[in-house]
Amino acid sequence: MKAAARLRDECGVFGIFGHPDAATLTYYGLYALQHRGQESAGVVAGDGCRLKIHKGMGLVSEVFNEGVLAGLPGDRAIGHVRYSTTGSTSPVNAQPILLRCRGSSVALCHNGNLVNAPAIRESLEQSGSIFQTTLDTEVIAHLIARSGETVFEDAVIETFGRVEGGYALLFLTRDKLIGVRDPNGIRPLSIGRIDGTRGACYVLASETCAFDAVGAEPLRDVEPGEMVVVDAGGLRSVQAMPCREAALCIFEYIYFARPDSDLAGLNVHSVRKTMGRLLARDFPVEADLITGVPDSSISAATGYAEEAGIPYEIGLVKNRYVGRTFIQPAQRIRDQGVKLKLNPLRKVVSGKRVVLVDDSIVRGTTSGYIVGLLREAGAREVHLRISSPPYRYPCYYGIDTSSRSELVAASRSIEEVQRMVGADSLRYLSLDSLLTAVGSEASKRRSHCTACFTGRYPVDVDGAGGKSALEEPFCVGCAGEASGR
């Protein structure tokens, strides 16, 4: 599969324990996480005796209705929205997965990617395991089933000692909700709480915006390598794996997370505004207006406008009834989707010098198309400003960038990319400025994964083209090139 014109995250997870309307609140939580995946959605709910599942292809609103939710009774549930990075787009790969394991029912769902799953799967198949899906999530289920540990939680801990990658997983058994985060904290997972007449109800979610949707109070992030267990006795924490150096995916701040979410104590909207301010400070340009590509670039664009003292205008209107086009797996659908998704405001941009702020350039096709839209609408100049460094290396931890050859900045200079997209000028935010925006001081540069910019991966990957970021420092020397200096 070709790399997408824009980046694609794998999915979002939501879990709740101790609420009488668990399935309905999970539905609301998945609605809030819909931006993380639009191919399929699913919920498993439990009442303490049995687990029941409903899942299907499409948006949350297409998969669920009042009748379906009424058929998912109980006070505990987990849910999932998916975009496929590992495993094909098909109903059988929709999550959560519900199966019989170790003499009981267990459901699990997963955000991220296990880099050693293919090797483990091959070994399991050779020893007799039969897989029902092509998901790396199912590899985890098989490892748990084969564990020699008698207690389910211990089997989970043993399993995660064997897998590598970036992941946030939820498990639901008849009596427990369990959340696990990878030892580097690459993929996000947060804890919230709803205080009610029956006592505290705990919630786990990929982003805190899901807590707002269900009236939960954010408590904290699940720590790298931590396993949290919620049952009738409340919430408890187990350090399932030794914590490695934190490496939260920095693209959560740049693009994936909703602006109303908080990650590692920082509000995403505020971070994006800071990115825009630093971009304007480093790369000013004479212009009449600033505009951003809806929706993820609006925050950075307003920050750029405020710093530059140039008016921010709505130059592009998004059709709210067209989903995030990069979610669609077929290139022919994505290309048409871009045309349906955005329309320029001709009377705003005509005759003007426009600064167009976007979050990233992946393959360059979408950026080129949007620049063309503004020119067709009469823009006199279009200056492209990107609120992240050049995206040069593929991600192996749950973002769909399949090969370096398909990343436009991997083999082209900034000037070549500028000519390709048709902009009058092109500048990227430097790596140093990006790390400043997310609060990574020079001594803490490993607190975020920046492998897509530097090629230094926090978890070793066969064929990744570089050593682990834990073995070598980040390639800060490329920041000058990234900024166009």
Protein backbone atom coordinates (compact mmCIF):
# COMPACT_ATOMS: atom_id res chain seq x y z
CA MET A 1 0.00 0.00 0.00
CA LYS A 2 1.30 3.43 -0.92
CA ALA A 3 1.99 5.98 1.74
CA ALA A 4 -0.85 8.41 2.29
CA ALA A 5 -0.78 12.01 1.10
CA ARG A 6 -1.18 12.88 4.77
CA LEU A 7 -0.27 10.86 7.83
CA ARG A 8 -2.56 8.23 9.28
CA ASP A 9 -2.62 7.09 12.87
CA GLU A 10 -3.73 3.58 13.63
CA CYS A 11 -6.61 3.96 16.08
CA GLY A 12 -8.07 5.12 19.36
CA VAL A 13 -9.07 3.13 22.44
CA PHE A 14 -11.53 3.80 25.25
CA GLY A 15 -12.39 1.80 28.36
CA ILE A 16 -14.65 2.29 31.37
CA PHE A 17 -15.36 0.31 34.54
CA GLY A 18 -18.07 0.84 37.14
CA HIS A 19 -20.73 2.87 35.31
CA PRO A 20 -24.30 1.62 34.67
CA ASP A 21 -24.28 3.15 31.17
CA ALA A 22 -20.85 1.83 30.21
CA ALA A 23 -21.64 0.97 26.58
CA THR A 24 -23.29 4.32 25.90
CA LEU A 25 -20.42 6.25 27.45
CA THR A 26 -17.98 4.18 25.41
CA TYR A 27 -19.95 5.18 22.33
CA TYR A 28 -19.56 8.85 23.31
CA GLY A 29 -15.87 8.33 23.99
CA LEU A 30 -15.34 6.76 20.58
CA TYR A 31 -17.16 9.67 18.98
CA ALA A 32 -14.57 11.98 20.56
CA LEU A 33 -11.78 9.75 19.22
CA GLN A 34 -13.24 9.35 15.72
CA HIS A 35 -10.41 11.42 14.23
CA ARG A 36 -7.99 8.62 15.10
CA GLY A 37 -9.65 6.09 12.79
CA GLN A 38 -12.67 5.88 10.53
CA GLU A 39 -12.52 2.42 9.01
CA SER A 40 -14.24 0.47 11.77
CA ALA A 41 -15.59 0.78 15.29
CA GLY A 42 -16.44 -1.68 18.02
CA VAL A 43 -17.49 -2.08 21.65
CA VAL A 44 -17.33 -5.01 24.07
CA ALA A 45 -19.44 -4.64 27.24
CA GLY A 46 -19.66 -6.82 30.32
CA ASP A 47 -21.95 -7.29 33.32
CA GLY A 48 -19.64 -9.39 35.50
CA CYS A 49 -20.86 -12.68 34.06
CA ARG A 50 -20.39 -12.41 30.32
CA LEU A 51 -18.94 -10.18 27.63
CA LYS A 52 -20.90 -9.12 24.56
CA ILE A 53 -19.52 -7.53 21.39
CA HIS A 54 -20.76 -5.36 18.54
CA LYS A 55 -18.47 -4.02 15.83
CA GLY A 56 -18.55 -3.16 12.15
CA MET A 57 -17.05 -1.21 9.29
CA GLY A 58 -17.59 2.54 9.13
CA LEU A 59 -17.94 5.50 11.46
CA VAL A 60 -19.12 5.20 15.06
CA SER A 61 -22.49 6.69 14.06
CA GLU A 62 -22.85 4.10 11.29
CA VAL A 63 -21.98 1.09 13.42
CA PHE A 64 -24.07 1.93 16.51
CA ASN A 65 -27.61 3.04 17.28
CA GLU A 66 -29.82 3.08 20.38
CA GLY A 67 -31.00 -0.47 19.82
CA VAL A 68 -27.48 -1.82 19.52
CA LEU A 69 -26.32 -0.01 22.63
CA ALA A 70 -29.34 -1.27 24.58
CA GLY A 71 -28.18 -4.78 23.76
CA LEU A 72 -24.79 -4.16 25.38
CA PRO A 73 -25.68 -4.06 29.06
CA GLY A 74 -23.30 -3.93 32.00
CA ASP A 75 -21.12 -1.50 33.91
CA ARG A 76 -17.82 -2.10 32.05
CA ALA A 77 -16.77 -1.79 28.43
CA ILE A 78 -13.92 -1.18 26.01
CA GLY A 79 -14.15 0.37 22.55
CA HIS A 80 -12.03 0.96 19.49
CA VAL A 81 -11.90 3.06 16.33
CA ARG A 82 -9.50 1.86 13.68
CA TYR A 83 -7.38 2.79 10.75
CA SER A 84 -5.35 -0.16 9.51
CA THR A 85 -1.57 -0.11 9.54
CA THR A 86 -1.03 -3.75 10.49
CA GLY A 87 -3.74 -5.97 9.08
CA SER A 88 -5.91 -5.37 6.04
CA THR A 89 -9.09 -3.32 5.81
CA SER A 90 -11.78 -5.95 6.38
CA PRO A 91 -14.56 -6.72 8.87
CA VAL A 92 -12.59 -9.59 10.42
CA ASN A 93 -9.90 -7.10 11.50
CA ALA A 94 -12.28 -4.72 13.24
CA GLN A 95 -11.57 -4.42 16.97
CA PRO A 96 -11.98 -5.15 19.85
CA ILE A 97 -11.18 -8.84 19.59
CA LEU A 98 -13.32 -11.09 21.82
CA LEU A 99 -12.18 -14.65 22.45
CA ARG A 100 -11.95 -17.49 24.90
CA CYS A 101 -8.60 -17.47 26.64
CA ARG A 102 -7.37 -19.35 29.69
CA GLY A 103 -10.82 -20.74 30.41
CA SER A 104 -12.69 -17.44 30.28
CA SER A 105 -13.71 -14.64 27.92
CA VAL A 106 -11.35 -11.76 27.30
CA ALA A 107 -11.56 -8.77 24.95
CA LEU A 108 -8.65 -6.62 23.83
CA CYS A 109 -8.02 -3.63 21.59
CA HIS A 110 -4.85 -1.91 20.52
CA ASN A 111 -3.42 1.40 19.37
CA GLY A 112 0.05 1.16 17.88
CA ASN A 113 2.26 -1.38 16.18
CA LEU A 114 4.42 -4.29 17.35
CA VAL A 115 7.63 -4.30 15.34
CA ASN A 116 8.45 -7.93 16.13
CA ALA A 117 4.92 -9.27 15.60
CA PRO A 118 5.66 -10.91 12.20
CA ALA A 119 8.49 -12.99 13.64
CA ILE A 120 6.44 -14.01 16.69
CA ARG A 121 3.44 -14.85 14.52
CA GLU A 122 5.52 -17.07 12.24
CA SER A 123 6.91 -18.92 15.25
CA LEU A 124 3.43 -19.39 16.73
CA GLU A 125 2.02 -20.67 13.44
CA GLN A 126 4.86 -23.15 13.11
CA SER A 127 4.02 -24.50 16.56
CA GLY A 128 0.33 -24.93 15.72
CA SER A 129 -1.41 -21.63 16.48
CA ILE A 130 -4.29 -20.74 14.17
CA PHE A 131 -4.96 -17.05 13.57
CA GLN A 132 -8.37 -15.63 12.68
CA THR A 133 -7.14 -12.14 11.71
CA THR A 134 -4.03 -10.48 10.28
CA LEU A 135 -3.74 -8.17 13.28
CA ASP A 136 -0.65 -7.93 15.45
CA THR A 137 -3.18 -7.57 18.29
CA GLU A 138 -4.04 -11.25 17.92
CA VAL A 139 -0.38 -12.14 18.44
CA ILE A 140 -0.73 -10.75 21.97
CA ALA A 141 -3.77 -12.92 22.62
CA HIS A 142 -1.91 -16.06 21.54
CA LEU A 143 1.08 -15.22 23.74
CA ILE A 144 -1.19 -14.72 26.76
CA ALA A 145 -2.96 -18.01 26.07
CA ARG A 146 0.38 -19.83 25.96
CA SER A 147 1.77 -18.20 29.09
CA GLY A 148 2.73 -20.47 31.93
CA GLU A 149 1.42 -17.94 34.46
CA THR A 150 -1.83 -18.91 36.16
CA VAL A 151 -2.97 -15.36 37.00
CA PHE A 152 -4.19 -13.36 34.00
CA GLU A 153 -2.36 -10.19 35.02
CA ASP A 154 0.91 -12.11 35.34
CA ALA A 155 0.35 -13.62 31.89
CA VAL A 156 -0.11 -10.10 30.49
CA ILE A 157 3.14 -8.95 32.10
CA GLU A 158 5.02 -11.98 30.76
CA THR A 159 3.62 -11.35 27.27
CA PHE A 160 4.73 -7.74 27.16
CA GLY A 161 8.21 -8.80 28.07
CA ARG A 162 8.35 -10.49 24.65
CA VAL A 163 6.94 -7.82 22.33
CA GLU A 164 8.52 -4.62 21.07
CA GLY A 165 7.05 -1.47 19.55
CA GLY A 166 4.78 1.40 20.41
CA TYR A 167 1.43 0.45 21.88
CA ALA A 168 -1.44 1.22 24.21
CA LEU A 169 -3.69 -1.77 24.88
CA LEU A 170 -6.91 -2.34 26.79
CA PHE A 171 -8.13 -5.69 28.10
CA LEU A 172 -11.58 -6.46 29.46
CA THR A 173 -12.26 -9.64 31.39
CA ARG A 174 -15.40 -10.48 33.31
CA ASP A 175 -14.09 -8.71 36.41
CA LYS A 176 -11.27 -6.36 35.30
CA LEU A 177 -10.34 -3.53 32.98
CA ILE A 178 -6.61 -3.48 32.25
CA GLY A 179 -4.58 -0.87 30.40
CA VAL A 180 -0.95 -1.27 29.30
CA ARG A 181 1.43 1.26 27.72
CA ASP A 182 4.73 0.50 26.01
CA PRO A 183 7.98 1.06 27.99
CA ASN A 184 8.84 4.20 25.99
CA GLY A 185 5.35 5.68 26.14
CA ILE A 186 5.31 6.13 22.36
CA ARG A 187 1.54 5.79 22.08
CA PRO A 188 -0.62 7.81 24.49
CA LEU A 189 -3.00 6.50 27.16
CA SER A 190 -4.61 8.52 29.96
CA ILE A 191 -6.66 7.84 33.11
CA GLY A 192 -9.85 9.67 34.08
CA ARG A 193 -12.48 9.34 36.79
CA ILE A 194 -16.22 9.91 37.10
CA ASP A 195 -17.47 10.43 40.66
CA GLY A 196 -21.04 9.21 41.08
CA THR A 197 -23.48 7.98 43.69
CA ARG A 198 -22.09 4.46 43.31
CA GLY A 199 -18.54 5.64 43.89
CA ALA A 200 -15.67 6.31 41.53
CA CYS A 201 -15.80 5.05 37.96
CA TYR A 202 -12.50 4.91 36.08
CA VAL A 203 -11.94 5.62 32.41
CA LEU A 204 -8.96 4.92 30.11
CA ALA A 205 -8.59 6.64 26.74
CA SER A 206 -6.10 7.51 24.02
CA GLU A 207 -6.84 11.23 24.52
CA THR A 208 -8.31 13.38 27.26
CA CYS A 209 -10.88 14.88 24.87
CA ALA A 210 -12.76 11.59 25.36
CA PHE A 211 -13.00 12.35 29.09
CA ASP A 212 -14.76 15.63 28.33
CA ALA A 213 -17.28 13.73 26.20
CA VAL A 214 -18.30 11.50 29.12
CA GLY A 215 -17.92 13.96 32.01
CA ALA A 216 -14.75 12.42 33.44
CA GLU A 217 -12.03 14.27 35.31
CA PRO A 218 -8.55 13.68 33.86
CA LEU A 219 -6.23 12.22 36.48
CA ARG A 220 -2.92 11.44 34.79
CA ASP A 221 -1.23 9.62 31.93
CA VAL A 222 -0.47 5.94 32.17
CA GLU A 223 3.29 5.87 32.63
CA PRO A 224 5.63 4.12 30.18
CA GLY A 225 5.74 0.42 30.99
CA GLU A 226 2.86 0.73 33.46
CA MET A 227 -0.11 -1.60 33.73
CA VAL A 228 -3.21 -0.21 35.42
CA VAL A 229 -5.88 -2.58 36.70
CA VAL A 230 -9.43 -1.47 37.51
CA ASP A 231 -11.79 -3.81 39.32
CA ALA A 232 -14.36 -3.74 42.12
CA GLY A 233 -11.64 -2.65 44.52
CA GLY A 234 -10.73 0.45 42.52
CA LEU A 235 -7.62 1.29 40.51
CA ARG A 236 -4.14 -0.04 41.14
CA SER A 237 -0.87 0.27 39.30
CA VAL A 238 1.81 -2.29 38.43
CA GLN A 239 5.12 -1.49 36.75
CA ALA A 240 4.79 -4.29 34.21
CA MET A 241 8.02 -3.49 32.33
CA PRO A 242 11.08 -1.44 33.21
CA CYS A 243 10.50 2.14 32.11
CA ARG A 244 12.82 3.20 29.30
CA GLU A 245 13.52 6.76 28.28
CA ALA A 246 10.21 8.43 27.49
CA ALA A 247 9.57 8.86 23.76
CA LEU A 248 5.99 10.07 23.25
CA CYS A 249 5.26 10.37 19.53
CA ILE A 250 5.80 14.05 18.77
CA PHE A 251 3.29 13.90 15.91
CA GLU A 252 0.54 13.61 18.50
CA TYR A 253 1.20 17.31 19.15
CA ILE A 254 1.76 18.22 15.52
CA TYR A 255 -1.24 16.53 13.95
CA PHE A 256 -2.94 13.49 15.45
CA ALA A 257 -4.39 14.63 18.77
CA ARG A 258 -7.41 16.88 18.98
CA PRO A 259 -6.53 20.45 20.04
CA ASP A 260 -8.67 20.13 23.17
CA SER A 261 -6.66 17.15 24.42
CA ASP A 262 -3.81 17.32 26.93
CA LEU A 263 -0.69 15.18 26.46
CA ALA A 264 1.99 14.85 29.11
CA GLY A 265 0.47 17.83 30.90
CA LEU A 266 0.49 20.11 27.84
CA ASN A 267 -2.57 21.33 25.94
CA VAL A 268 -2.27 20.41 22.27
CA HIS A 269 -3.76 23.70 21.00
CA SER A 270 -1.30 25.73 23.08
CA VAL A 271 1.66 23.69 21.83
CA ARG A 272 0.57 24.16 18.23
CA LYS A 273 0.21 27.91 18.72
CA THR A 274 3.74 28.00 20.09
CA MET A 275 4.94 26.08 17.03
CA GLY A 276 3.34 28.74 14.85
CA ARG A 277 4.87 31.58 16.84
CA LEU A 278 8.35 30.08 16.59
CA LEU A 279 7.87 29.46 12.88
CA ALA A 280 6.95 33.13 12.34
CA ARG A 281 9.89 34.24 14.44
CA ASP A 282 12.33 32.12 12.43
CA PHE A 283 10.79 32.64 8.99
CA PRO A 284 8.90 35.91 8.58
CA VAL A 285 7.59 36.97 5.18
CA GLU A 286 5.80 40.05 3.88
CA ALA A 287 2.17 39.06 3.38
CA ASP A 288 -1.41 40.31 3.57
CA LEU A 289 -2.98 37.41 5.44
CA ILE A 290 -2.27 34.14 7.21
CA THR A 291 -4.45 31.09 6.77
CA GLY A 292 -4.26 27.48 7.89
CA VAL A 293 -5.31 24.13 6.49
CA PRO A 294 -8.38 23.00 8.49
CA ASP A 295 -8.41 21.57 11.06
CA SER A 296 -5.08 20.53 12.56
CA SER A 297 -3.15 23.56 11.27
CA ILE A 298 -5.49 26.29 12.52
CA SER A 299 -3.80 26.58 15.92
CA ALA A 300 -0.32 26.94 14.40
CA ALA A 301 -1.65 29.43 11.84
CA THR A 302 -3.16 31.67 14.52
CA GLY A 303 0.11 31.54 16.45
CA TYR A 304 2.01 32.54 13.31
CA ALA A 305 -0.40 35.42 12.66
CA GLU A 306 -0.16 36.76 16.21
CA GLU A 307 3.63 36.65 16.20
CA ALA A 308 3.90 38.18 12.71
CA GLY A 309 1.28 40.87 13.33
CA ILE A 310 -0.52 39.87 10.13
CA PRO A 311 -4.30 39.23 10.10
CA TYR A 312 -5.49 35.64 10.26
CA GLU A 313 -8.27 34.89 7.78
CA ILE A 314 -10.31 31.84 6.87
CA GLY A 315 -8.90 31.16 3.43
CA LEU A 316 -10.08 27.56 3.12
CA VAL A 317 -13.44 26.13 4.08
CA LYS A 318 -13.74 22.48 5.04
CA ASN A 319 -16.75 20.40 4.08
CA ARG A 320 -17.66 18.93 7.47
CA TYR A 321 -19.51 16.04 5.86
CA VAL A 322 -16.38 14.68 4.21
CA GLY A 323 -14.23 12.66 6.61
CA ARG A 324 -10.51 13.07 7.03
CA THR A 325 -9.52 12.02 3.52
CA PHE A 326 -6.23 10.45 4.56
CA ILE A 327 -8.17 7.77 6.44
CA GLN A 328 -9.45 6.31 3.18
CA PRO A 329 -7.17 3.46 2.10
CA ALA A 330 -7.52 3.71 -1.70
CA GLN A 331 -5.49 6.44 -3.38
CA ARG A 332 -8.20 7.15 -5.97
CA ILE A 333 -10.62 7.86 -3.10
CA ARG A 334 -8.13 10.10 -1.30
CA ASP A 335 -7.45 12.20 -4.38
CA GLN A 336 -11.14 12.81 -5.00
CA GLY A 337 -11.68 13.36 -1.28
CA VAL A 338 -9.26 16.30 -1.22
CA LYS A 339 -11.27 17.99 -3.98
CA LEU A 340 -14.48 17.53 -2.04
CA LYS A 341 -13.00 18.44 1.30
CA LEU A 342 -11.61 21.98 0.84
CA ASN A 343 -12.79 25.06 -0.99
CA PRO A 344 -11.01 28.45 -1.08
CA LEU A 345 -12.69 31.74 -0.18
CA ARG A 346 -12.03 33.59 -3.39
CA LYS A 347 -13.04 37.04 -2.16
CA VAL A 348 -10.68 36.66 0.81
CA VAL A 349 -7.54 35.47 -1.00
CA SER A 350 -7.90 37.06 -4.43
CA GLY A 351 -5.06 39.49 -5.12
CA LYS A 352 -3.47 38.81 -1.72
CA ARG A 353 -0.07 37.58 -0.59
CA VAL A 354 -1.01 34.51 1.43
CA VAL A 355 0.97 32.61 4.07
CA LEU A 356 -0.42 29.08 4.15
CA VAL A 357 0.43 27.23 7.38
CA ASP A 358 0.25 23.44 7.38
CA ASP A 359 1.41 20.83 9.90
CA SER A 360 3.45 18.58 7.61
CA ILE A 361 4.27 17.49 4.08
CA VAL A 362 4.32 13.74 3.52
CA ARG A 363 4.08 12.92 -0.18
CA GLY A 364 3.47 16.49 -1.33
CA THR A 365 0.38 15.81 -3.42
CA THR A 366 -2.08 17.38 -0.98
CA SER A 367 0.15 20.40 -0.34
CA GLY A 368 0.53 20.97 -4.06
CA TYR A 369 -3.19 20.71 -4.59
CA ILE A 370 -4.00 23.22 -1.83
CA VAL A 371 -1.42 25.70 -3.10
CA GLY A 372 -3.06 25.30 -6.52
CA LEU A 373 -6.50 25.96 -5.03
CA LEU A 374 -5.33 29.28 -3.61
CA ARG A 375 -3.69 30.29 -6.87
CA GLU A 376 -6.84 29.42 -8.84
CA ALA A 377 -8.77 31.57 -6.38
CA GLY A 378 -6.56 34.54 -7.31
CA ALA A 379 -3.87 34.56 -4.61
CA ARG A 380 -0.97 36.71 -5.82
CA GLU A 381 1.63 34.83 -3.76
CA VAL A 382 1.46 31.66 -1.69
CA HIS A 383 4.15 31.15 0.96
CA LEU A 384 4.05 27.74 2.60
CA ARG A 385 5.10 27.41 6.24
CA ILE A 386 5.23 23.95 7.85
CA SER A 387 4.96 23.66 11.65
CA SER A 388 7.26 20.63 11.80
CA PRO A 389 10.64 19.62 10.30
CA PRO A 390 10.85 17.70 6.99
CA TYR A 391 9.31 14.25 7.35
CA ARG A 392 12.11 12.00 6.05
CA TYR A 393 11.85 8.60 7.74
CA PRO A 394 9.02 6.06 8.05
CA CYS A 395 7.31 5.32 11.35
CA TYR A 396 7.14 1.74 12.61
CA TYR A 397 5.05 2.35 15.72
CA GLY A 398 1.51 2.81 14.43
CA ILE A 399 1.60 5.56 11.77
CA ASP A 400 1.18 4.63 8.13
CA THR A 401 4.32 5.69 6.28
CA SER A 402 5.31 2.54 4.47
CA SER A 403 8.65 3.41 2.87
CA ARG A 404 11.16 6.22 2.81
CA SER A 405 11.10 6.37 -1.01
CA GLU A 406 7.52 7.69 -0.88
CA LEU A 407 8.32 10.55 1.52
CA VAL A 408 8.88 13.67 -0.55
CA ALA A 409 11.47 15.25 1.76
CA ALA A 410 13.56 12.09 2.05
CA SER A 411 15.27 12.56 -1.32
CA ARG A 412 14.59 16.20 -2.19
CA SER A 413 15.96 19.50 -0.97
CA ILE A 414 13.64 22.14 0.44
CA GLU A 415 13.96 24.08 -2.81
CA GLU A 416 12.96 21.00 -4.82
CA VAL A 417 9.92 20.39 -2.62
CA GLN A 418 9.00 24.07 -2.97
CA ARG A 419 9.03 23.80 -6.75
CA MET A 420 7.09 20.54 -6.64
CA VAL A 421 4.22 22.01 -4.58
CA GLY A 422 4.27 25.31 -6.49
CA ALA A 423 4.81 27.67 -3.53
CA ASP A 424 6.60 31.03 -3.75
CA SER A 425 8.57 30.03 -0.67
CA LEU A 426 8.71 27.05 1.69
CA ARG A 427 10.10 26.88 5.20
CA TYR A 428 9.91 24.22 7.90
CA LEU A 429 9.98 24.58 11.67
CA SER A 430 13.41 23.52 12.94
CA LEU A 431 13.82 20.51 15.18
CA ASP A 432 15.19 22.74 17.96
CA SER A 433 12.13 24.99 17.80
CA LEU A 434 9.80 22.00 17.77
CA LEU A 435 11.45 20.56 20.87
CA THR A 436 11.18 23.95 22.54
CA ALA A 437 7.45 24.05 21.78
CA VAL A 438 6.84 20.67 23.43
CA GLY A 439 9.01 21.52 26.42
CA SER A 440 11.98 19.31 25.56
CA GLU A 441 15.05 21.08 26.81
CA ALA A 442 18.47 20.22 25.44
CA SER A 443 19.08 17.76 28.25
CA LYS A 444 15.71 16.07 27.69
CA ARG A 445 15.62 15.58 23.96
CA ARG A 446 14.74 11.93 24.33
CA SER A 447 11.41 12.71 25.98
CA HIS A 448 9.75 12.57 22.55
CA CYS A 449 10.15 10.28 19.57
CA THR A 450 11.41 12.35 16.62
CA ALA A 451 12.46 9.40 14.46
CA CYS A 452 10.38 10.58 11.50
CA PHE A 453 12.64 13.64 11.32
CA THR A 454 15.98 12.24 12.46
CA GLY A 455 15.95 8.53 11.62
CA ARG A 456 16.84 7.65 15.22
CA TYR A 457 14.33 5.16 16.58
CA PRO A 458 13.63 4.65 20.31
CA VAL A 459 12.93 0.94 19.68
CA ASP A 460 15.27 -0.96 17.36
CA VAL A 461 13.67 -1.98 14.09
CA ASP A 462 15.18 -4.33 11.53
CA GLY A 463 15.98 -2.30 8.46
CA ALA A 464 15.11 1.00 10.13
CA GLY A 465 18.28 2.57 8.83
CA GLY A 466 19.71 3.77 12.13
CA LYS A 467 20.51 2.84 15.67
CA SER A 468 18.10 3.20 18.52
CA ALA A 469 17.66 6.69 19.90
CA LEU A 470 18.56 5.15 23.24
CA GLU A 471 21.98 4.25 21.87
CA GLU A 472 22.79 7.47 20.04
CA PRO A 473 21.73 11.08 20.63
CA PHE A 474 19.16 12.62 18.32
CA CYS A 475 20.60 14.11 15.14
CA VAL A 476 20.23 17.73 16.22
CA GLY A 477 22.68 18.81 13.53
CA CYS A 478 19.98 18.37 10.90
CA ALA A 479 17.90 21.14 12.48
CA GLY A 480 19.66 23.82 10.48
CA GLU A 481 18.90 21.99 7.25
CA ALA A 482 15.36 21.36 8.36
CA SER A 483 14.82 25.04 8.97
CA GLY A 484 16.17 25.97 5.57
CA ARG A 485 19.17 27.81 6.95
